[in-house]
Amino acid sequence: MSLAGGRLEILYRCVVEVESSGNPFAIRYEPRFANRILSDDPALRRAIHYYHANLDTLRSFLAFSVGRIQVLIYNLFFYDDVYDFVMSKGFKPCIPYYLPEHAEKELFHILLKSMGIDFFPFDNEELLYRFAKHWNGSPAYAKRLKIAYTLQTASYKLKPRYRYG
C-alpha cells in the first residue's frame, strides 16, 4: 500500500522517534559513510560549488546526519528534487541544520520519493526491512521502527521525548 492518508505522518513520527526522539537539533557523524564517498561522487561534486574545502573535509561534512529525521547532509546534495527543495527554501545545506517541522515533513516526503519509497513499510516484514535498508542501512533499524510503530498506533499517540524552548 502507498503512503496515502495518514500513513506518511505515521512513518514520519516513527522515524523521528527512532532517529532523534523529536530533537530538531540532533546531529550525528557517520565516519564509515564518509570513508565510502569517492572523489567523483555527484553529491561531493555539487558540494564543491558551495564549500571551498578539501575533499576530505567535504566528505566529513557530507557524513553528518541532522535534524529530527537525521537526514544525511549527503542526501541533501545527492538527490536533485531534494536539493531543489532545500535551495528553494533559501537554505544552504550546512551545520548547524534546522528546518521547522512542517518543512522537514515536506523534505521527508521528497526524500522518500527520491529514494523510490512509495510503500508503507509496516504492511509486512519484507517492506519494513527494505525501508530500513534504504533509510538507515541496518536491519536492526527495522526492529526499532517496529517498536516505534507499535507505540505510535497504540491507544495514545507517540509524543517525542525531546522538549525545547
N, C-alpha and C. Protein backbone atom coordinates (compact mmCIF):
# COMPACT_ATOMS: atom_id res chain seq x y z
N MET A 1 0.83 -1.20 0.00
CA MET A 1 0.00 0.00 0.00
C MET A 1 0.86 1.25 0.00
N SER A 2 0.29 2.31 -0.47
CA SER A 2 1.04 3.56 -0.60
C SER A 2 1.10 4.32 0.72
N LEU A 3 1.70 5.48 0.65
CA LEU A 3 1.82 6.35 1.82
C LEU A 3 0.69 7.36 1.88
N ALA A 4 -0.44 7.04 1.27
CA ALA A 4 -1.58 7.95 1.24
C ALA A 4 -2.20 8.12 2.63
N GLY A 5 -2.98 9.18 2.75
CA GLY A 5 -3.68 9.43 4.00
C GLY A 5 -2.72 9.74 5.13
N GLY A 6 -3.02 9.20 6.29
CA GLY A 6 -2.20 9.46 7.46
C GLY A 6 -0.97 8.58 7.57
N ARG A 7 -0.77 7.71 6.59
CA ARG A 7 0.37 6.78 6.66
C ARG A 7 1.72 7.49 6.60
N LEU A 8 1.81 8.54 5.79
CA LEU A 8 3.06 9.30 5.72
C LEU A 8 3.37 9.93 7.07
N GLU A 9 2.35 10.48 7.72
CA GLU A 9 2.54 11.09 9.04
C GLU A 9 2.99 10.05 10.06
N ILE A 10 2.39 8.87 10.03
CA ILE A 10 2.79 7.80 10.95
C ILE A 10 4.25 7.42 10.72
N LEU A 11 4.63 7.23 9.46
CA LEU A 11 6.01 6.87 9.16
C LEU A 11 6.96 7.97 9.61
N TYR A 12 6.59 9.22 9.35
CA TYR A 12 7.42 10.35 9.78
C TYR A 12 7.60 10.30 11.30
N ARG A 13 6.53 10.14 12.05
CA ARG A 13 6.61 10.12 13.52
C ARG A 13 7.48 8.96 14.02
N CYS A 14 7.38 7.82 13.38
CA CYS A 14 8.21 6.68 13.78
C CYS A 14 9.69 6.95 13.52
N VAL A 15 10.01 7.49 12.36
CA VAL A 15 11.41 7.80 12.03
C VAL A 15 11.93 8.85 13.00
N VAL A 16 11.14 9.87 13.29
CA VAL A 16 11.56 10.92 14.23
C VAL A 16 11.85 10.33 15.60
N GLU A 17 10.99 9.45 16.07
CA GLU A 17 11.19 8.86 17.40
C GLU A 17 12.47 8.04 17.44
N VAL A 18 12.70 7.23 16.42
CA VAL A 18 13.88 6.36 16.41
C VAL A 18 15.16 7.18 16.21
N GLU A 19 15.11 8.14 15.32
CA GLU A 19 16.32 8.88 14.96
C GLU A 19 16.75 9.92 15.98
N SER A 20 15.78 10.66 16.54
CA SER A 20 16.18 11.82 17.36
C SER A 20 15.32 12.06 18.58
N SER A 21 14.32 11.22 18.80
CA SER A 21 13.35 11.45 19.89
C SER A 21 12.72 12.84 19.78
N GLY A 22 12.62 13.33 18.56
CA GLY A 22 11.97 14.61 18.31
C GLY A 22 12.86 15.83 18.44
N ASN A 23 14.15 15.65 18.65
CA ASN A 23 15.06 16.77 18.82
C ASN A 23 15.38 17.39 17.45
N PRO A 24 14.91 18.62 17.19
CA PRO A 24 15.16 19.24 15.88
C PRO A 24 16.62 19.61 15.66
N PHE A 25 17.41 19.62 16.73
CA PHE A 25 18.82 20.00 16.63
C PHE A 25 19.75 18.79 16.74
N ALA A 26 19.21 17.58 16.63
CA ALA A 26 20.02 16.37 16.73
C ALA A 26 21.06 16.35 15.61
N ILE A 27 22.23 15.87 15.94
CA ILE A 27 23.32 15.80 14.96
C ILE A 27 24.17 14.57 15.28
N ARG A 28 24.61 13.90 14.23
CA ARG A 28 25.42 12.69 14.40
C ARG A 28 26.41 12.61 13.23
N TYR A 29 27.59 12.17 13.52
CA TYR A 29 28.61 11.99 12.48
C TYR A 29 28.71 10.51 12.14
N GLU A 30 28.76 10.20 10.85
CA GLU A 30 28.82 8.82 10.35
C GLU A 30 30.18 8.60 9.66
N PRO A 31 31.25 8.35 10.42
CA PRO A 31 32.59 8.28 9.82
C PRO A 31 32.74 7.19 8.76
N ARG A 32 32.09 6.05 8.94
CA ARG A 32 32.22 4.97 7.95
C ARG A 32 31.61 5.40 6.61
N PHE A 33 30.54 6.20 6.69
CA PHE A 33 29.94 6.71 5.46
C PHE A 33 30.91 7.66 4.75
N ALA A 34 31.54 8.53 5.49
CA ALA A 34 32.49 9.50 4.91
C ALA A 34 33.59 8.78 4.14
N ASN A 35 34.06 7.67 4.68
CA ASN A 35 35.14 6.93 4.04
C ASN A 35 34.73 6.27 2.73
N ARG A 36 33.43 6.13 2.49
CA ARG A 36 32.94 5.48 1.26
C ARG A 36 32.66 6.47 0.13
N ILE A 37 32.75 7.76 0.39
CA ILE A 37 32.44 8.76 -0.65
C ILE A 37 33.65 8.90 -1.57
N LEU A 38 33.45 8.57 -2.84
CA LEU A 38 34.53 8.62 -3.84
C LEU A 38 34.70 10.04 -4.37
N SER A 39 35.84 10.32 -4.94
CA SER A 39 36.16 11.66 -5.44
C SER A 39 35.24 12.12 -6.55
N ASP A 40 34.68 11.19 -7.32
CA ASP A 40 33.80 11.58 -8.42
C ASP A 40 32.31 11.47 -8.05
N ASP A 41 32.02 11.34 -6.77
CA ASP A 41 30.64 11.23 -6.30
C ASP A 41 29.86 12.51 -6.65
N PRO A 42 28.64 12.38 -7.19
CA PRO A 42 27.89 13.58 -7.59
C PRO A 42 27.55 14.53 -6.44
N ALA A 43 27.28 14.00 -5.27
CA ALA A 43 26.98 14.87 -4.11
C ALA A 43 28.23 15.65 -3.71
N LEU A 44 29.36 15.01 -3.74
CA LEU A 44 30.62 15.68 -3.41
C LEU A 44 30.92 16.76 -4.44
N ARG A 45 30.71 16.46 -5.70
CA ARG A 45 30.95 17.43 -6.77
C ARG A 45 30.02 18.64 -6.62
N ARG A 46 28.77 18.40 -6.27
CA ARG A 46 27.81 19.51 -6.08
C ARG A 46 28.21 20.35 -4.87
N ALA A 47 28.64 19.71 -3.80
CA ALA A 47 29.03 20.42 -2.58
C ALA A 47 30.25 21.31 -2.82
N ILE A 48 31.13 20.90 -3.72
CA ILE A 48 32.34 21.68 -4.02
C ILE A 48 31.98 23.08 -4.52
N HIS A 49 30.84 23.20 -5.21
CA HIS A 49 30.42 24.51 -5.74
C HIS A 49 30.08 25.51 -4.63
N TYR A 50 29.76 25.02 -3.45
CA TYR A 50 29.34 25.90 -2.36
C TYR A 50 30.36 26.03 -1.24
N TYR A 51 31.14 25.00 -1.07
CA TYR A 51 32.08 24.99 0.04
C TYR A 51 33.48 24.82 -0.50
N HIS A 52 34.31 25.75 -0.24
CA HIS A 52 35.68 25.70 -0.73
C HIS A 52 36.55 25.06 0.34
N ALA A 53 36.58 23.75 0.27
CA ALA A 53 37.33 22.97 1.25
C ALA A 53 37.95 21.78 0.53
N ASN A 54 38.89 21.14 1.16
CA ASN A 54 39.48 19.97 0.52
C ASN A 54 38.49 18.81 0.54
N LEU A 55 38.76 17.81 -0.26
CA LEU A 55 37.82 16.70 -0.42
C LEU A 55 37.58 15.94 0.88
N ASP A 56 38.60 15.74 1.68
CA ASP A 56 38.41 15.02 2.94
C ASP A 56 37.49 15.78 3.88
N THR A 57 37.63 17.09 3.92
CA THR A 57 36.76 17.91 4.76
C THR A 57 35.31 17.82 4.26
N LEU A 58 35.13 17.90 2.95
CA LEU A 58 33.78 17.80 2.39
C LEU A 58 33.17 16.42 2.62
N ARG A 59 33.97 15.38 2.51
CA ARG A 59 33.46 14.02 2.80
C ARG A 59 32.94 13.95 4.24
N SER A 60 33.70 14.52 5.14
CA SER A 60 33.27 14.53 6.54
C SER A 60 31.99 15.33 6.71
N PHE A 61 31.93 16.48 6.09
CA PHE A 61 30.75 17.33 6.15
C PHE A 61 29.50 16.59 5.65
N LEU A 62 29.64 15.90 4.52
CA LEU A 62 28.50 15.19 3.93
C LEU A 62 28.06 14.00 4.78
N ALA A 63 28.89 13.56 5.70
CA ALA A 63 28.59 12.38 6.52
C ALA A 63 27.92 12.72 7.85
N PHE A 64 27.43 13.93 7.99
CA PHE A 64 26.66 14.28 9.19
C PHE A 64 25.18 14.00 8.94
N SER A 65 24.52 13.41 9.92
CA SER A 65 23.07 13.24 9.92
C SER A 65 22.52 14.31 10.84
N VAL A 66 21.45 14.97 10.40
CA VAL A 66 20.97 16.14 11.13
C VAL A 66 19.45 16.18 11.21
N GLY A 67 18.97 16.88 12.22
CA GLY A 67 17.54 17.15 12.36
C GLY A 67 16.75 16.01 12.97
N ARG A 68 15.45 16.20 13.01
CA ARG A 68 14.55 15.20 13.59
C ARG A 68 14.65 13.85 12.89
N ILE A 69 14.75 13.90 11.56
CA ILE A 69 14.77 12.66 10.78
C ILE A 69 16.20 12.18 10.50
N GLN A 70 17.18 12.91 10.99
CA GLN A 70 18.58 12.55 10.82
C GLN A 70 18.93 12.29 9.36
N VAL A 71 18.56 13.24 8.51
CA VAL A 71 18.90 13.14 7.10
C VAL A 71 20.39 13.39 6.93
N LEU A 72 21.03 12.57 6.12
CA LEU A 72 22.44 12.80 5.82
C LEU A 72 22.56 14.06 4.98
N ILE A 73 23.50 14.92 5.33
CA ILE A 73 23.77 16.10 4.50
C ILE A 73 24.05 15.64 3.06
N TYR A 74 24.69 14.50 2.93
CA TYR A 74 24.95 13.90 1.61
C TYR A 74 23.68 13.85 0.76
N ASN A 75 22.59 13.39 1.37
CA ASN A 75 21.34 13.25 0.62
C ASN A 75 20.76 14.59 0.20
N LEU A 76 21.07 15.64 0.93
CA LEU A 76 20.59 16.97 0.55
C LEU A 76 21.26 17.43 -0.74
N PHE A 77 22.45 16.92 -1.02
CA PHE A 77 23.17 17.26 -2.25
C PHE A 77 22.97 16.22 -3.35
N PHE A 78 22.72 14.97 -2.99
CA PHE A 78 22.70 13.89 -3.97
C PHE A 78 21.44 13.88 -4.83
N TYR A 79 20.27 13.95 -4.23
CA TYR A 79 19.01 13.83 -4.96
C TYR A 79 18.59 15.20 -5.50
N ASP A 80 18.37 15.27 -6.81
CA ASP A 80 18.03 16.55 -7.45
C ASP A 80 16.80 17.21 -6.84
N ASP A 81 15.72 16.44 -6.65
CA ASP A 81 14.48 17.02 -6.09
C ASP A 81 14.70 17.53 -4.67
N VAL A 82 15.46 16.80 -3.90
CA VAL A 82 15.76 17.20 -2.52
C VAL A 82 16.60 18.47 -2.53
N TYR A 83 17.62 18.49 -3.35
CA TYR A 83 18.49 19.65 -3.47
C TYR A 83 17.68 20.89 -3.89
N ASP A 84 16.82 20.72 -4.90
CA ASP A 84 15.99 21.84 -5.37
C ASP A 84 15.07 22.34 -4.27
N PHE A 85 14.50 21.42 -3.50
CA PHE A 85 13.61 21.82 -2.40
C PHE A 85 14.38 22.63 -1.36
N VAL A 86 15.53 22.12 -0.95
CA VAL A 86 16.32 22.80 0.08
C VAL A 86 16.73 24.20 -0.41
N MET A 87 17.18 24.28 -1.64
CA MET A 87 17.61 25.57 -2.17
C MET A 87 16.42 26.52 -2.35
N SER A 88 15.25 26.00 -2.67
CA SER A 88 14.06 26.85 -2.85
C SER A 88 13.63 27.49 -1.54
N LYS A 89 14.02 26.90 -0.44
CA LYS A 89 13.69 27.45 0.88
C LYS A 89 14.72 28.49 1.31
N GLY A 90 15.69 28.77 0.43
CA GLY A 90 16.73 29.73 0.78
C GLY A 90 17.67 29.19 1.83
N PHE A 91 17.82 27.89 1.83
CA PHE A 91 18.57 27.19 2.87
C PHE A 91 19.73 26.46 2.22
N LYS A 92 20.93 26.85 2.53
CA LYS A 92 22.10 26.14 2.02
C LYS A 92 22.42 25.03 3.02
N PRO A 93 22.51 23.78 2.56
CA PRO A 93 22.81 22.68 3.48
C PRO A 93 24.06 22.97 4.30
N CYS A 94 23.90 22.95 5.60
CA CYS A 94 25.02 23.28 6.47
C CYS A 94 24.82 22.69 7.86
N ILE A 95 25.81 22.88 8.68
CA ILE A 95 25.73 22.52 10.09
C ILE A 95 26.05 23.79 10.86
N PRO A 96 25.27 24.23 11.84
CA PRO A 96 24.07 23.54 12.32
C PRO A 96 22.94 23.62 11.31
N TYR A 97 22.08 22.66 11.40
CA TYR A 97 20.98 22.48 10.47
C TYR A 97 19.69 22.61 11.26
N TYR A 98 18.74 23.31 10.71
CA TYR A 98 17.44 23.36 11.36
C TYR A 98 16.39 23.69 10.31
N LEU A 99 15.33 22.93 10.28
CA LEU A 99 14.16 23.24 9.49
C LEU A 99 12.96 23.18 10.42
N PRO A 100 11.99 24.09 10.24
CA PRO A 100 10.77 23.95 11.01
C PRO A 100 10.12 22.60 10.67
N GLU A 101 9.35 22.07 11.58
CA GLU A 101 8.81 20.72 11.39
C GLU A 101 8.01 20.57 10.10
N HIS A 102 7.19 21.56 9.75
CA HIS A 102 6.40 21.43 8.52
C HIS A 102 7.31 21.30 7.28
N ALA A 103 8.43 22.02 7.26
CA ALA A 103 9.37 21.93 6.14
C ALA A 103 10.12 20.59 6.18
N GLU A 104 10.44 20.12 7.37
CA GLU A 104 11.13 18.83 7.47
C GLU A 104 10.21 17.69 7.03
N LYS A 105 8.92 17.80 7.33
CA LYS A 105 7.96 16.78 6.84
C LYS A 105 7.92 16.78 5.32
N GLU A 106 7.92 17.96 4.73
CA GLU A 106 7.92 18.06 3.27
C GLU A 106 9.22 17.48 2.71
N LEU A 107 10.34 17.79 3.34
CA LEU A 107 11.62 17.23 2.94
C LEU A 107 11.60 15.70 3.04
N PHE A 108 11.05 15.18 4.12
CA PHE A 108 10.94 13.73 4.31
C PHE A 108 10.18 13.09 3.15
N HIS A 109 9.07 13.69 2.77
CA HIS A 109 8.26 13.16 1.67
C HIS A 109 9.04 13.18 0.35
N ILE A 110 9.74 14.27 0.09
CA ILE A 110 10.55 14.38 -1.13
C ILE A 110 11.69 13.36 -1.11
N LEU A 111 12.32 13.18 0.04
CA LEU A 111 13.37 12.17 0.17
C LEU A 111 12.84 10.77 -0.13
N LEU A 112 11.68 10.44 0.42
CA LEU A 112 11.10 9.12 0.17
C LEU A 112 10.85 8.91 -1.32
N LYS A 113 10.28 9.91 -1.98
CA LYS A 113 10.04 9.81 -3.43
C LYS A 113 11.36 9.64 -4.17
N SER A 114 12.36 10.42 -3.81
CA SER A 114 13.66 10.34 -4.48
C SER A 114 14.32 8.98 -4.30
N MET A 115 14.07 8.35 -3.16
CA MET A 115 14.64 7.03 -2.87
C MET A 115 13.78 5.90 -3.44
N GLY A 116 12.66 6.25 -4.06
CA GLY A 116 11.77 5.23 -4.62
C GLY A 116 10.93 4.52 -3.57
N ILE A 117 10.73 5.16 -2.45
CA ILE A 117 9.92 4.56 -1.38
C ILE A 117 8.50 5.10 -1.50
N ASP A 118 7.64 4.29 -2.09
CA ASP A 118 6.24 4.67 -2.25
C ASP A 118 5.31 3.64 -1.59
N PHE A 119 5.86 2.96 -0.60
CA PHE A 119 5.13 1.92 0.11
C PHE A 119 5.13 2.21 1.60
N PHE A 120 4.21 1.59 2.29
CA PHE A 120 4.13 1.73 3.74
C PHE A 120 4.88 0.57 4.37
N PRO A 121 6.01 0.82 5.02
CA PRO A 121 6.87 -0.27 5.48
C PRO A 121 6.26 -1.18 6.54
N PHE A 122 5.21 -0.73 7.19
CA PHE A 122 4.65 -1.54 8.27
C PHE A 122 3.59 -2.52 7.78
N ASP A 123 3.39 -2.61 6.46
CA ASP A 123 2.43 -3.57 5.91
C ASP A 123 2.93 -5.00 6.03
N ASN A 124 4.25 -5.20 5.95
CA ASN A 124 4.81 -6.54 6.16
C ASN A 124 6.31 -6.44 6.45
N GLU A 125 6.86 -7.53 6.92
CA GLU A 125 8.27 -7.55 7.34
C GLU A 125 9.22 -7.24 6.19
N GLU A 126 8.93 -7.78 5.01
CA GLU A 126 9.81 -7.55 3.86
C GLU A 126 9.91 -6.05 3.54
N LEU A 127 8.77 -5.36 3.55
CA LEU A 127 8.77 -3.92 3.29
C LEU A 127 9.49 -3.15 4.40
N LEU A 128 9.31 -3.61 5.62
CA LEU A 128 9.96 -2.94 6.75
C LEU A 128 11.48 -3.04 6.62
N TYR A 129 12.01 -4.21 6.28
CA TYR A 129 13.45 -4.37 6.12
C TYR A 129 13.96 -3.62 4.89
N ARG A 130 13.13 -3.56 3.85
CA ARG A 130 13.51 -2.80 2.66
C ARG A 130 13.64 -1.31 2.99
N PHE A 131 12.66 -0.80 3.74
CA PHE A 131 12.72 0.61 4.14
C PHE A 131 13.95 0.85 5.03
N ALA A 132 14.17 -0.03 5.99
CA ALA A 132 15.30 0.12 6.92
C ALA A 132 16.62 0.17 6.15
N LYS A 133 16.76 -0.67 5.14
CA LYS A 133 17.99 -0.68 4.34
C LYS A 133 18.16 0.64 3.60
N HIS A 134 17.08 1.16 3.01
CA HIS A 134 17.17 2.43 2.28
C HIS A 134 17.44 3.61 3.21
N TRP A 135 16.74 3.66 4.32
CA TRP A 135 16.83 4.84 5.17
C TRP A 135 18.08 4.83 6.04
N ASN A 136 18.40 3.66 6.59
CA ASN A 136 19.47 3.60 7.59
C ASN A 136 20.59 2.64 7.24
N GLY A 137 20.30 1.64 6.43
CA GLY A 137 21.31 0.67 6.04
C GLY A 137 21.46 -0.51 6.97
N SER A 138 20.71 -0.53 8.07
CA SER A 138 20.87 -1.58 9.07
C SER A 138 19.57 -2.36 9.29
N PRO A 139 19.64 -3.69 9.26
CA PRO A 139 18.45 -4.48 9.57
C PRO A 139 17.95 -4.25 11.00
N ALA A 140 18.86 -3.94 11.92
CA ALA A 140 18.46 -3.67 13.30
C ALA A 140 17.55 -2.44 13.38
N TYR A 141 17.68 -1.54 12.43
CA TYR A 141 16.84 -0.35 12.37
C TYR A 141 15.37 -0.73 12.21
N ALA A 142 15.11 -1.80 11.48
CA ALA A 142 13.73 -2.26 11.29
C ALA A 142 13.07 -2.61 12.63
N LYS A 143 13.82 -3.21 13.52
CA LYS A 143 13.27 -3.58 14.83
C LYS A 143 12.91 -2.34 15.64
N ARG A 144 13.77 -1.33 15.60
CA ARG A 144 13.48 -0.10 16.33
C ARG A 144 12.27 0.62 15.74
N LEU A 145 12.16 0.60 14.42
CA LEU A 145 10.98 1.21 13.77
C LEU A 145 9.70 0.48 14.16
N LYS A 146 9.78 -0.82 14.23
CA LYS A 146 8.59 -1.61 14.58
C LYS A 146 8.11 -1.28 16.00
N ILE A 147 9.03 -1.10 16.91
CA ILE A 147 8.68 -0.70 18.28
C ILE A 147 8.02 0.68 18.26
N ALA A 148 8.61 1.61 17.52
CA ALA A 148 8.03 2.96 17.43
C ALA A 148 6.64 2.91 16.81
N TYR A 149 6.46 2.06 15.81
CA TYR A 149 5.14 1.92 15.17
C TYR A 149 4.12 1.35 16.14
N THR A 150 4.52 0.37 16.91
CA THR A 150 3.62 -0.23 17.91
C THR A 150 3.17 0.84 18.90
N LEU A 151 4.09 1.65 19.36
CA LEU A 151 3.75 2.73 20.28
C LEU A 151 2.89 3.79 19.60
N GLN A 152 3.22 4.11 18.35
CA GLN A 152 2.50 5.14 17.61
C GLN A 152 1.04 4.75 17.39
N THR A 153 0.79 3.50 17.15
CA THR A 153 -0.57 3.06 16.83
C THR A 153 -1.32 2.53 18.05
N ALA A 154 -0.71 2.61 19.21
CA ALA A 154 -1.38 2.20 20.45
C ALA A 154 -2.51 3.19 20.75
N SER A 155 -3.15 3.03 21.85
CA SER A 155 -4.31 3.87 22.17
C SER A 155 -3.95 5.34 22.38
N TYR A 156 -2.65 5.64 22.56
CA TYR A 156 -2.21 7.02 22.69
C TYR A 156 -1.26 7.33 21.54
N LYS A 157 -1.13 8.59 21.24
CA LYS A 157 -0.21 9.00 20.18
C LYS A 157 1.17 9.21 20.78
N LEU A 158 2.16 8.73 20.06
CA LEU A 158 3.54 8.89 20.50
C LEU A 158 3.92 10.36 20.43
N LYS A 159 4.43 10.87 21.50
CA LYS A 159 4.92 12.24 21.53
C LYS A 159 6.42 12.20 21.71
N PRO A 160 7.15 12.90 20.86
CA PRO A 160 8.61 12.87 21.00
C PRO A 160 9.03 13.28 22.42
N ARG A 161 10.06 12.63 22.92
CA ARG A 161 10.51 12.88 24.29
C ARG A 161 11.22 14.21 24.40
N TYR A 162 11.82 14.67 23.34
CA TYR A 162 12.61 15.90 23.41
C TYR A 162 11.69 17.11 23.52
N ARG A 163 11.98 17.94 24.44
CA ARG A 163 11.21 19.19 24.61
C ARG A 163 12.20 20.32 24.66
N TYR A 164 11.94 21.36 23.93
CA TYR A 164 12.82 22.51 23.90
C TYR A 164 12.00 23.78 24.08
N GLY A 165 12.68 24.85 24.34
CA GLY A 165 12.03 26.15 24.41
C GLY A 165 11.55 26.52 25.78
